[in-house]
Every structure is written in C-alpha cells, then in structure tokens.
Amino acid sequence: MYELDSIVNLYKARTGVKRDKEVAARLHLSPAAFSNYMQGLNLMPQFAIAQISEGAGVDPMATMAAANVTYKKTPEEERSWWMAKLENLRI
C-alpha cells in the first residue's frame, strides 16, 4: 500500500487529479522532474512529500520512506532501514 505509486494514486483519487502532469502542476514541479522522482532517478523534495502525504491522507513518514526506497541511489543499508520503516507503518 505504501509504495510511492500507490501513495500518488491515492493522492490522485482524493484530489480528483487524473494525470501525473496535473500532480506535478499542483506540486509546482515540472512534469519531467515529477517523472524522474517516480522513476527513482531523483529523490523527491521534502515539501513535495509533505504535500502528497497531506492530499493522500497518509503519514508523511510513509511517503518519505516510499520515496527513499524508490530512489535508485539510496545506499542499500539505508534502503533496508526505509523498507523496515514502511513495514512498521503498514500496521
């Protein structure tokens, strides 16, 4: 449930947004930047994480954890910690 795609889909459902391009606009991000965050090429900024969390009705720590797990450059020892954090937040 708390993977980044799932959280963004929940954000879309709760805000009535249909496309990633619209999500990017609401977060004051370029569509390319938002796409890079979703693909794990760049780490999503904390302010965007907070906005998505609020719109989705999700604990910001879950969104932060999902973003860090998604980010391809997160070191493996950190990724393990974030994955464990996600598991704890699913309860």
N, C-alpha and C. Protein backbone atom coordinates (compact mmCIF):
# COMPACT_ATOMS: atom_id res chain seq x y z
N MET A 1 0.82 -1.22 0.00
CA MET A 1 0.00 0.00 0.00
C MET A 1 0.85 1.26 0.00
N TYR A 2 1.98 1.24 0.70
CA TYR A 2 2.73 2.48 0.85
C TYR A 2 3.87 2.66 -0.14
N GLU A 3 3.83 1.95 -1.25
CA GLU A 3 4.80 2.23 -2.28
C GLU A 3 4.45 3.59 -2.87
N LEU A 4 5.46 4.25 -3.42
CA LEU A 4 5.25 5.61 -3.89
C LEU A 4 4.14 5.71 -4.93
N ASP A 5 4.08 4.77 -5.86
CA ASP A 5 3.00 4.78 -6.86
C ASP A 5 1.63 4.71 -6.20
N SER A 6 1.51 3.85 -5.20
CA SER A 6 0.23 3.69 -4.51
C SER A 6 -0.17 4.97 -3.79
N ILE A 7 0.81 5.62 -3.17
CA ILE A 7 0.51 6.86 -2.44
C ILE A 7 0.09 7.95 -3.42
N VAL A 8 0.80 8.05 -4.54
CA VAL A 8 0.43 9.07 -5.54
C VAL A 8 -0.94 8.76 -6.13
N ASN A 9 -1.24 7.49 -6.35
CA ASN A 9 -2.58 7.13 -6.85
C ASN A 9 -3.66 7.48 -5.84
N LEU A 10 -3.38 7.31 -4.57
CA LEU A 10 -4.32 7.72 -3.53
C LEU A 10 -4.49 9.24 -3.53
N TYR A 11 -3.38 9.96 -3.70
CA TYR A 11 -3.42 11.42 -3.82
C TYR A 11 -4.33 11.82 -4.98
N LYS A 12 -4.15 11.18 -6.13
CA LYS A 12 -4.97 11.49 -7.30
C LYS A 12 -6.45 11.24 -7.01
N ALA A 13 -6.75 10.10 -6.41
CA ALA A 13 -8.14 9.75 -6.12
C ALA A 13 -8.79 10.76 -5.18
N ARG A 14 -8.05 11.18 -4.16
CA ARG A 14 -8.63 12.08 -3.16
C ARG A 14 -8.70 13.52 -3.62
N THR A 15 -7.86 13.89 -4.60
CA THR A 15 -7.87 15.28 -5.06
C THR A 15 -8.56 15.45 -6.41
N GLY A 16 -8.96 14.33 -7.02
CA GLY A 16 -9.65 14.40 -8.31
C GLY A 16 -8.72 14.63 -9.49
N VAL A 17 -7.44 14.45 -9.28
CA VAL A 17 -6.46 14.63 -10.34
C VAL A 17 -6.35 13.33 -11.11
N LYS A 18 -6.22 13.42 -12.43
CA LYS A 18 -6.20 12.22 -13.26
C LYS A 18 -4.79 11.85 -13.75
N ARG A 19 -3.96 12.83 -14.02
CA ARG A 19 -2.66 12.57 -14.67
C ARG A 19 -1.49 13.05 -13.83
N ASP A 20 -0.35 12.42 -14.06
CA ASP A 20 0.88 12.83 -13.37
C ASP A 20 1.22 14.29 -13.67
N LYS A 21 0.92 14.72 -14.88
CA LYS A 21 1.19 16.11 -15.28
C LYS A 21 0.42 17.08 -14.36
N GLU A 22 -0.80 16.71 -14.01
CA GLU A 22 -1.60 17.55 -13.12
C GLU A 22 -1.05 17.52 -11.69
N VAL A 23 -0.59 16.35 -11.26
CA VAL A 23 0.03 16.25 -9.93
C VAL A 23 1.25 17.16 -9.89
N ALA A 24 2.08 17.08 -10.91
CA ALA A 24 3.28 17.92 -10.98
C ALA A 24 2.92 19.40 -10.88
N ALA A 25 1.90 19.81 -11.60
CA ALA A 25 1.48 21.21 -11.58
C ALA A 25 1.03 21.63 -10.18
N ARG A 26 0.27 20.77 -9.50
CA ARG A 26 -0.18 21.10 -8.14
C ARG A 26 0.97 21.21 -7.16
N LEU A 27 2.05 20.45 -7.44
CA LEU A 27 3.22 20.47 -6.55
C LEU A 27 4.25 21.51 -6.98
N HIS A 28 3.92 22.27 -8.04
CA HIS A 28 4.81 23.29 -8.60
C HIS A 28 6.13 22.67 -9.06
N LEU A 29 6.01 21.51 -9.72
CA LEU A 29 7.15 20.81 -10.28
C LEU A 29 6.93 20.67 -11.79
N SER A 30 8.01 20.54 -12.52
CA SER A 30 7.86 20.26 -13.94
C SER A 30 7.44 18.80 -14.10
N PRO A 31 6.71 18.49 -15.17
CA PRO A 31 6.35 17.08 -15.40
C PRO A 31 7.58 16.18 -15.49
N ALA A 32 8.66 16.68 -16.08
CA ALA A 32 9.88 15.87 -16.20
C ALA A 32 10.47 15.59 -14.83
N ALA A 33 10.50 16.58 -13.95
CA ALA A 33 11.04 16.38 -12.61
C ALA A 33 10.19 15.37 -11.85
N PHE A 34 8.88 15.50 -11.93
CA PHE A 34 7.99 14.56 -11.24
C PHE A 34 8.20 13.15 -11.76
N SER A 35 8.33 13.01 -13.07
CA SER A 35 8.58 11.71 -13.68
C SER A 35 9.89 11.11 -13.15
N ASN A 36 10.91 11.94 -13.03
CA ASN A 36 12.20 11.46 -12.51
C ASN A 36 12.07 10.98 -11.06
N TYR A 37 11.26 11.66 -10.26
CA TYR A 37 11.05 11.22 -8.87
C TYR A 37 10.35 9.87 -8.86
N MET A 38 9.35 9.71 -9.71
CA MET A 38 8.57 8.47 -9.73
C MET A 38 9.39 7.29 -10.25
N GLN A 39 10.35 7.57 -11.12
CA GLN A 39 11.22 6.52 -11.65
C GLN A 39 12.41 6.23 -10.74
N GLY A 40 12.58 7.03 -9.70
CA GLY A 40 13.69 6.83 -8.79
C GLY A 40 15.00 7.43 -9.26
N LEU A 41 14.94 8.27 -10.27
CA LEU A 41 16.16 8.89 -10.78
C LEU A 41 16.63 10.03 -9.88
N ASN A 42 15.69 10.69 -9.24
CA ASN A 42 15.99 11.76 -8.29
C ASN A 42 15.13 11.53 -7.05
N LEU A 43 15.59 12.06 -5.93
CA LEU A 43 14.85 11.94 -4.68
C LEU A 43 13.84 13.09 -4.57
N MET A 44 12.61 12.74 -4.29
CA MET A 44 11.55 13.74 -4.19
C MET A 44 11.83 14.71 -3.04
N PRO A 45 11.65 16.02 -3.28
CA PRO A 45 11.88 17.01 -2.22
C PRO A 45 10.90 16.83 -1.05
N GLN A 46 11.35 17.19 0.12
CA GLN A 46 10.54 17.02 1.33
C GLN A 46 9.22 17.77 1.25
N PHE A 47 9.22 18.96 0.65
CA PHE A 47 7.97 19.72 0.57
C PHE A 47 6.95 18.99 -0.31
N ALA A 48 7.40 18.40 -1.42
CA ALA A 48 6.50 17.62 -2.28
C ALA A 48 6.00 16.39 -1.53
N ILE A 49 6.87 15.75 -0.76
CA ILE A 49 6.47 14.60 0.05
C ILE A 49 5.38 15.01 1.03
N ALA A 50 5.55 16.15 1.67
CA ALA A 50 4.56 16.64 2.63
C ALA A 50 3.23 16.93 1.95
N GLN A 51 3.27 17.56 0.78
CA GLN A 51 2.04 17.89 0.07
C GLN A 51 1.30 16.64 -0.39
N ILE A 52 2.03 15.67 -0.93
CA ILE A 52 1.40 14.43 -1.37
C ILE A 52 0.79 13.69 -0.18
N SER A 53 1.53 13.65 0.92
CA SER A 53 1.04 12.98 2.13
C SER A 53 -0.26 13.60 2.61
N GLU A 54 -0.27 14.91 2.66
CA GLU A 54 -1.47 15.62 3.13
C GLU A 54 -2.66 15.34 2.21
N GLY A 55 -2.44 15.44 0.91
CA GLY A 55 -3.53 15.20 -0.04
C GLY A 55 -4.01 13.77 -0.05
N ALA A 56 -3.10 12.83 0.20
CA ALA A 56 -3.45 11.41 0.20
C ALA A 56 -3.99 10.94 1.54
N GLY A 57 -3.79 11.75 2.58
CA GLY A 57 -4.20 11.34 3.92
C GLY A 57 -3.31 10.25 4.48
N VAL A 58 -2.02 10.33 4.17
CA VAL A 58 -1.05 9.30 4.54
C VAL A 58 -0.01 9.93 5.47
N ASP A 59 0.51 9.13 6.38
CA ASP A 59 1.58 9.57 7.27
C ASP A 59 2.77 10.03 6.41
N PRO A 60 3.26 11.25 6.60
CA PRO A 60 4.40 11.73 5.80
C PRO A 60 5.62 10.82 5.90
N MET A 61 5.80 10.13 7.03
CA MET A 61 6.93 9.22 7.15
C MET A 61 6.80 8.07 6.15
N ALA A 62 5.58 7.63 5.88
CA ALA A 62 5.37 6.56 4.90
C ALA A 62 5.75 7.04 3.50
N THR A 63 5.36 8.26 3.17
CA THR A 63 5.70 8.81 1.86
C THR A 63 7.21 9.01 1.75
N MET A 64 7.83 9.50 2.81
CA MET A 64 9.28 9.69 2.81
C MET A 64 9.99 8.35 2.64
N ALA A 65 9.51 7.34 3.35
CA ALA A 65 10.11 6.01 3.25
C ALA A 65 9.94 5.47 1.83
N ALA A 66 8.75 5.60 1.27
CA ALA A 66 8.50 5.11 -0.09
C ALA A 66 9.38 5.83 -1.10
N ALA A 67 9.55 7.13 -0.93
CA ALA A 67 10.41 7.90 -1.84
C ALA A 67 11.86 7.43 -1.74
N ASN A 68 12.33 7.16 -0.54
CA ASN A 68 13.71 6.70 -0.36
C ASN A 68 13.91 5.28 -0.87
N VAL A 69 12.91 4.43 -0.76
CA VAL A 69 13.01 3.08 -1.31
C VAL A 69 13.02 3.14 -2.84
N THR A 70 12.24 4.05 -3.40
CA THR A 70 12.14 4.21 -4.85
C THR A 70 13.43 4.78 -5.44
N TYR A 71 14.07 5.70 -4.72
CA TYR A 71 15.26 6.39 -5.21
C TYR A 71 16.40 5.39 -5.43
N LYS A 72 16.86 5.30 -6.65
CA LYS A 72 17.85 4.29 -7.02
C LYS A 72 19.22 4.48 -6.38
N LYS A 73 19.54 5.68 -5.95
CA LYS A 73 20.85 5.94 -5.35
C LYS A 73 20.85 5.83 -3.83
N THR A 74 19.73 5.43 -3.25
CA THR A 74 19.71 5.21 -1.80
C THR A 74 20.63 4.03 -1.50
N PRO A 75 21.63 4.22 -0.62
CA PRO A 75 22.52 3.11 -0.27
C PRO A 75 21.73 1.93 0.29
N GLU A 76 22.20 0.73 0.03
CA GLU A 76 21.46 -0.49 0.39
C GLU A 76 21.14 -0.56 1.88
N GLU A 77 22.10 -0.17 2.74
CA GLU A 77 21.82 -0.22 4.19
C GLU A 77 20.72 0.76 4.58
N GLU A 78 20.66 1.90 3.91
CA GLU A 78 19.58 2.85 4.17
C GLU A 78 18.26 2.33 3.59
N ARG A 79 18.31 1.75 2.40
CA ARG A 79 17.10 1.22 1.77
C ARG A 79 16.46 0.16 2.68
N SER A 80 17.29 -0.69 3.28
CA SER A 80 16.78 -1.71 4.20
C SER A 80 16.06 -1.07 5.38
N TRP A 81 16.64 0.00 5.91
CA TRP A 81 16.03 0.70 7.04
C TRP A 81 14.68 1.29 6.62
N TRP A 82 14.65 1.94 5.45
CA TRP A 82 13.40 2.54 4.96
C TRP A 82 12.35 1.47 4.69
N MET A 83 12.76 0.34 4.16
CA MET A 83 11.81 -0.74 3.90
C MET A 83 11.21 -1.26 5.21
N ALA A 84 12.04 -1.38 6.23
CA ALA A 84 11.54 -1.81 7.53
C ALA A 84 10.57 -0.77 8.10
N LYS A 85 10.89 0.50 7.89
CA LYS A 85 10.01 1.57 8.35
C LYS A 85 8.65 1.46 7.66
N LEU A 86 8.66 1.19 6.36
CA LEU A 86 7.40 1.00 5.63
C LEU A 86 6.59 -0.15 6.19
N GLU A 87 7.25 -1.24 6.48
CA GLU A 87 6.55 -2.40 7.06
C GLU A 87 5.89 -2.04 8.39
N ASN A 88 6.61 -1.30 9.23
CA ASN A 88 6.06 -0.88 10.52
C ASN A 88 4.86 0.07 10.35
N LEU A 89 4.89 0.89 9.33
CA LEU A 89 3.82 1.86 9.11
C LEU A 89 2.58 1.23 8.51
N ARG A 90 2.67 0.06 7.95
CA ARG A 90 1.51 -0.61 7.36
C ARG A 90 0.58 -1.17 8.40
N ILE A 91 1.05 -1.30 9.62
CA ILE A 91 0.23 -1.89 10.70
C ILE A 91 -0.92 -0.98 11.06
